[in-house]
Structure formats: C-alpha cells, structure tokens
Amino acid sequence: MGQRSYRTFGKERRTEPCQLGDLSGCERTRGVSLHRMEPEIDTGPIVSQEVFEIGSEDTALSLSTKCVNVGVPIVMRFLEAVDPVGGQ
C-alpha cells in the first residue's frame, strides 16, 4: 500500500493567514488531498482531493472543521478501496 499523507491545501500549498486565524487575506477556496508520499515534499501523486468554498462567515475553527468533514470521507473511501472487507 505504501505511505500516504493527508493534507489541506490552497493554491500555493503554503501556510496562509487563514490557518493562523486571519481569514481576511485568504483564498476563497480550500482543499484536502490524499497523496502518496515521496522523498521530496509535495511530489507524490495525488490519490484523491476535494476543493470547497470558504464562506464569508467562516472562521479558522469552522475552516478546520470543514477540512476534517471533507477529509475523513476521502480517507475512508481510500481505506475501503484498499481493503473492502475491513481486514476480516
């Protein structure tokens, strides 16, 4: 199966003000990806990803919650595809 990494991202794949609690300077979309880990940073192929809008009412906490709500199903779909019977 190899190693996989779960991460959130913006267009620039860098720490943004929104991750630090200031949403005023943020991109208006955010994404979550699952990708294969390679020796170099951010070079592994993306297994799955989903992008969502950052709403005008979002806070750093609600944005983090959205990332989890989007990310958990991505990881679960991957795990089910790798082992559809759950190791039984």
N, C-alpha and C. Protein backbone atom coordinates (compact mmCIF):
# COMPACT_ATOMS: atom_id res chain seq x y z
N MET A 1 0.84 -1.19 0.00
CA MET A 1 0.00 0.00 0.00
C MET A 1 0.88 1.24 0.00
N GLY A 2 2.03 1.23 0.62
CA GLY A 2 2.89 2.41 0.64
C GLY A 2 2.40 3.45 1.62
N GLN A 3 3.17 4.50 1.79
CA GLN A 3 2.79 5.56 2.72
C GLN A 3 1.91 6.58 2.02
N ARG A 4 0.95 7.10 2.77
CA ARG A 4 0.05 8.13 2.25
C ARG A 4 0.07 9.30 3.23
N SER A 5 -0.19 10.46 2.70
CA SER A 5 -0.23 11.67 3.50
C SER A 5 -1.54 12.39 3.26
N TYR A 6 -2.13 12.92 4.31
CA TYR A 6 -3.37 13.68 4.24
C TYR A 6 -3.01 15.13 4.53
N ARG A 7 -3.48 16.06 3.72
CA ARG A 7 -3.15 17.46 3.95
C ARG A 7 -4.23 18.37 3.40
N THR A 8 -4.25 19.58 3.93
CA THR A 8 -5.10 20.61 3.36
C THR A 8 -4.22 21.48 2.49
N PHE A 9 -4.82 22.17 1.54
CA PHE A 9 -4.02 23.00 0.66
C PHE A 9 -4.82 24.17 0.11
N GLY A 10 -4.10 25.21 -0.23
CA GLY A 10 -4.60 26.31 -1.04
C GLY A 10 -3.84 26.24 -2.34
N LYS A 11 -4.00 27.22 -3.19
CA LYS A 11 -3.31 27.20 -4.48
C LYS A 11 -1.80 27.11 -4.32
N GLU A 12 -1.26 27.80 -3.33
CA GLU A 12 0.19 27.90 -3.19
C GLU A 12 0.80 26.81 -2.30
N ARG A 13 -0.03 25.95 -1.69
CA ARG A 13 0.47 24.90 -0.79
C ARG A 13 1.43 25.45 0.25
N ARG A 14 1.00 26.47 0.95
CA ARG A 14 1.83 27.08 1.98
C ARG A 14 0.94 27.49 3.14
N THR A 15 1.56 27.83 4.25
CA THR A 15 0.78 28.32 5.39
C THR A 15 0.22 29.68 5.01
N GLU A 16 -1.06 29.85 5.21
CA GLU A 16 -1.73 31.09 4.87
C GLU A 16 -2.24 31.76 6.14
N PRO A 17 -2.58 33.05 6.03
CA PRO A 17 -3.13 33.75 7.21
C PRO A 17 -4.36 33.05 7.77
N CYS A 18 -5.16 32.41 6.91
CA CYS A 18 -6.38 31.77 7.40
C CYS A 18 -6.07 30.62 8.34
N GLN A 19 -4.95 29.95 8.17
CA GLN A 19 -4.59 28.88 9.08
C GLN A 19 -4.18 29.42 10.44
N LEU A 20 -3.86 30.69 10.47
CA LEU A 20 -3.44 31.32 11.71
C LEU A 20 -4.56 32.15 12.34
N GLY A 21 -5.77 32.10 11.75
CA GLY A 21 -6.92 32.76 12.33
C GLY A 21 -7.35 34.03 11.63
N ASP A 22 -6.62 34.51 10.62
CA ASP A 22 -6.99 35.74 9.90
C ASP A 22 -7.51 35.35 8.53
N LEU A 23 -8.84 35.32 8.35
CA LEU A 23 -9.42 34.91 7.08
C LEU A 23 -9.49 36.04 6.06
N SER A 24 -9.16 37.26 6.44
CA SER A 24 -9.29 38.39 5.51
C SER A 24 -8.35 38.28 4.32
N GLY A 25 -7.18 37.66 4.49
CA GLY A 25 -6.23 37.55 3.39
C GLY A 25 -6.24 36.21 2.70
N CYS A 26 -7.26 35.41 2.95
CA CYS A 26 -7.30 34.04 2.44
C CYS A 26 -7.79 33.95 1.01
N GLU A 27 -7.37 32.88 0.36
CA GLU A 27 -8.01 32.48 -0.89
C GLU A 27 -9.45 32.13 -0.54
N ARG A 28 -10.33 32.11 -1.51
CA ARG A 28 -11.75 31.83 -1.24
C ARG A 28 -12.09 30.36 -1.39
N THR A 29 -11.11 29.53 -1.72
CA THR A 29 -11.32 28.09 -1.76
C THR A 29 -10.23 27.41 -0.95
N ARG A 30 -10.53 26.21 -0.53
CA ARG A 30 -9.59 25.41 0.23
C ARG A 30 -9.74 23.98 -0.25
N GLY A 31 -8.77 23.16 -0.03
CA GLY A 31 -8.88 21.78 -0.47
C GLY A 31 -8.21 20.83 0.49
N VAL A 32 -8.57 19.57 0.35
CA VAL A 32 -7.98 18.49 1.12
C VAL A 32 -7.52 17.45 0.11
N SER A 33 -6.31 16.93 0.31
CA SER A 33 -5.84 15.90 -0.61
C SER A 33 -5.23 14.74 0.16
N LEU A 34 -5.25 13.59 -0.48
CA LEU A 34 -4.56 12.40 -0.01
C LEU A 34 -3.58 12.06 -1.11
N HIS A 35 -2.30 11.99 -0.77
CA HIS A 35 -1.33 11.70 -1.82
C HIS A 35 -0.28 10.72 -1.34
N ARG A 36 0.35 10.07 -2.30
CA ARG A 36 1.43 9.13 -2.00
C ARG A 36 2.65 9.93 -1.57
N MET A 37 3.30 9.47 -0.51
CA MET A 37 4.48 10.16 -0.01
C MET A 37 5.71 9.76 -0.83
N GLU A 38 6.49 10.74 -1.19
CA GLU A 38 7.75 10.58 -1.91
C GLU A 38 8.84 11.24 -1.07
N PRO A 39 10.11 10.98 -1.37
CA PRO A 39 11.19 11.59 -0.58
C PRO A 39 11.16 13.12 -0.58
N GLU A 40 10.79 13.74 -1.71
CA GLU A 40 10.72 15.19 -1.76
C GLU A 40 9.32 15.65 -1.36
N ILE A 41 9.23 16.84 -0.79
CA ILE A 41 7.96 17.38 -0.32
C ILE A 41 7.06 17.71 -1.50
N ASP A 42 5.78 17.31 -1.39
CA ASP A 42 4.74 17.62 -2.37
C ASP A 42 5.03 17.13 -3.78
N THR A 43 5.71 16.01 -3.92
CA THR A 43 6.00 15.48 -5.25
C THR A 43 5.21 14.20 -5.55
N GLY A 44 4.63 13.58 -4.54
CA GLY A 44 3.90 12.34 -4.74
C GLY A 44 2.58 12.56 -5.47
N PRO A 45 2.15 11.54 -6.23
CA PRO A 45 0.90 11.67 -6.96
C PRO A 45 -0.30 11.76 -6.02
N ILE A 46 -1.27 12.57 -6.41
CA ILE A 46 -2.49 12.74 -5.61
C ILE A 46 -3.39 11.53 -5.84
N VAL A 47 -3.84 10.93 -4.75
CA VAL A 47 -4.75 9.79 -4.80
C VAL A 47 -6.19 10.29 -4.90
N SER A 48 -6.50 11.31 -4.14
CA SER A 48 -7.85 11.89 -4.12
C SER A 48 -7.77 13.30 -3.57
N GLN A 49 -8.65 14.17 -4.06
CA GLN A 49 -8.71 15.52 -3.49
C GLN A 49 -10.09 16.11 -3.71
N GLU A 50 -10.42 17.06 -2.85
CA GLU A 50 -11.69 17.76 -2.95
C GLU A 50 -11.47 19.21 -2.55
N VAL A 51 -12.08 20.12 -3.31
CA VAL A 51 -11.96 21.56 -3.06
C VAL A 51 -13.33 22.07 -2.60
N PHE A 52 -13.32 23.03 -1.68
CA PHE A 52 -14.58 23.62 -1.21
C PHE A 52 -14.39 25.12 -1.02
N GLU A 53 -15.51 25.83 -0.97
CA GLU A 53 -15.51 27.29 -0.82
C GLU A 53 -15.30 27.69 0.64
N ILE A 54 -14.60 28.80 0.82
CA ILE A 54 -14.50 29.43 2.14
C ILE A 54 -15.58 30.50 2.17
N GLY A 55 -16.54 30.34 3.08
CA GLY A 55 -17.65 31.28 3.17
C GLY A 55 -17.27 32.56 3.89
N SER A 56 -18.04 33.60 3.68
CA SER A 56 -17.77 34.90 4.30
C SER A 56 -17.91 34.84 5.82
N GLU A 57 -18.66 33.88 6.33
CA GLU A 57 -18.87 33.74 7.77
C GLU A 57 -17.89 32.76 8.41
N ASP A 58 -17.03 32.13 7.61
CA ASP A 58 -16.10 31.13 8.16
C ASP A 58 -15.08 31.77 9.09
N THR A 59 -14.67 30.99 10.06
CA THR A 59 -13.61 31.36 10.99
C THR A 59 -12.51 30.30 10.84
N ALA A 60 -11.39 30.50 11.50
CA ALA A 60 -10.33 29.49 11.46
C ALA A 60 -10.86 28.15 11.99
N LEU A 61 -11.69 28.19 13.02
CA LEU A 61 -12.25 26.96 13.58
C LEU A 61 -13.21 26.30 12.59
N SER A 62 -14.11 27.06 11.98
CA SER A 62 -15.06 26.45 11.04
C SER A 62 -14.33 25.93 9.80
N LEU A 63 -13.26 26.60 9.40
CA LEU A 63 -12.47 26.13 8.26
C LEU A 63 -11.77 24.81 8.59
N SER A 64 -11.23 24.72 9.78
CA SER A 64 -10.61 23.46 10.21
C SER A 64 -11.64 22.34 10.26
N THR A 65 -12.83 22.65 10.75
CA THR A 65 -13.91 21.67 10.81
C THR A 65 -14.31 21.21 9.41
N LYS A 66 -14.40 22.15 8.47
CA LYS A 66 -14.71 21.78 7.08
C LYS A 66 -13.65 20.85 6.52
N CYS A 67 -12.38 21.13 6.81
CA CYS A 67 -11.29 20.28 6.32
C CYS A 67 -11.45 18.85 6.85
N VAL A 68 -11.79 18.72 8.11
CA VAL A 68 -11.99 17.38 8.69
C VAL A 68 -13.20 16.72 8.05
N ASN A 69 -14.30 17.46 7.91
CA ASN A 69 -15.53 16.90 7.34
C ASN A 69 -15.35 16.46 5.89
N VAL A 70 -14.49 17.13 5.16
CA VAL A 70 -14.18 16.74 3.78
C VAL A 70 -13.12 15.64 3.77
N GLY A 71 -12.14 15.73 4.65
CA GLY A 71 -11.01 14.82 4.63
C GLY A 71 -11.30 13.41 5.11
N VAL A 72 -12.12 13.28 6.14
CA VAL A 72 -12.40 11.94 6.68
C VAL A 72 -13.02 11.03 5.61
N PRO A 73 -14.04 11.48 4.86
CA PRO A 73 -14.58 10.60 3.82
C PRO A 73 -13.55 10.24 2.74
N ILE A 74 -12.63 11.15 2.43
CA ILE A 74 -11.58 10.84 1.46
C ILE A 74 -10.73 9.67 1.97
N VAL A 75 -10.32 9.75 3.22
CA VAL A 75 -9.50 8.68 3.80
C VAL A 75 -10.31 7.38 3.89
N MET A 76 -11.58 7.47 4.29
CA MET A 76 -12.40 6.27 4.41
C MET A 76 -12.60 5.59 3.05
N ARG A 77 -12.86 6.38 2.00
CA ARG A 77 -13.00 5.79 0.65
C ARG A 77 -11.72 5.09 0.23
N PHE A 78 -10.58 5.71 0.53
CA PHE A 78 -9.30 5.09 0.19
C PHE A 78 -9.12 3.77 0.93
N LEU A 79 -9.39 3.78 2.22
CA LEU A 79 -9.23 2.56 3.02
C LEU A 79 -10.17 1.46 2.54
N GLU A 80 -11.40 1.81 2.20
CA GLU A 80 -12.36 0.81 1.71
C GLU A 80 -11.91 0.27 0.36
N ALA A 81 -11.31 1.09 -0.49
CA ALA A 81 -10.84 0.63 -1.80
C ALA A 81 -9.65 -0.32 -1.64
N VAL A 82 -8.80 -0.05 -0.66
CA VAL A 82 -7.62 -0.88 -0.43
C VAL A 82 -8.01 -2.20 0.23
N ASP A 83 -8.95 -2.15 1.16
CA ASP A 83 -9.36 -3.33 1.92
C ASP A 83 -10.88 -3.31 2.07
N PRO A 84 -11.62 -3.72 1.02
CA PRO A 84 -13.08 -3.58 1.04
C PRO A 84 -13.80 -4.35 2.14
N VAL A 85 -13.20 -5.39 2.69
CA VAL A 85 -13.87 -6.16 3.76
C VAL A 85 -13.39 -5.78 5.14
N GLY A 86 -12.57 -4.75 5.25
CA GLY A 86 -12.14 -4.27 6.55
C GLY A 86 -11.23 -5.21 7.31
N GLY A 87 -10.41 -5.98 6.60
CA GLY A 87 -9.45 -6.87 7.26
C GLY A 87 -10.06 -8.14 7.82
N GLN A 88 -11.30 -8.43 7.47
CA GLN A 88 -11.96 -9.63 8.01
C GLN A 88 -11.69 -10.83 7.14
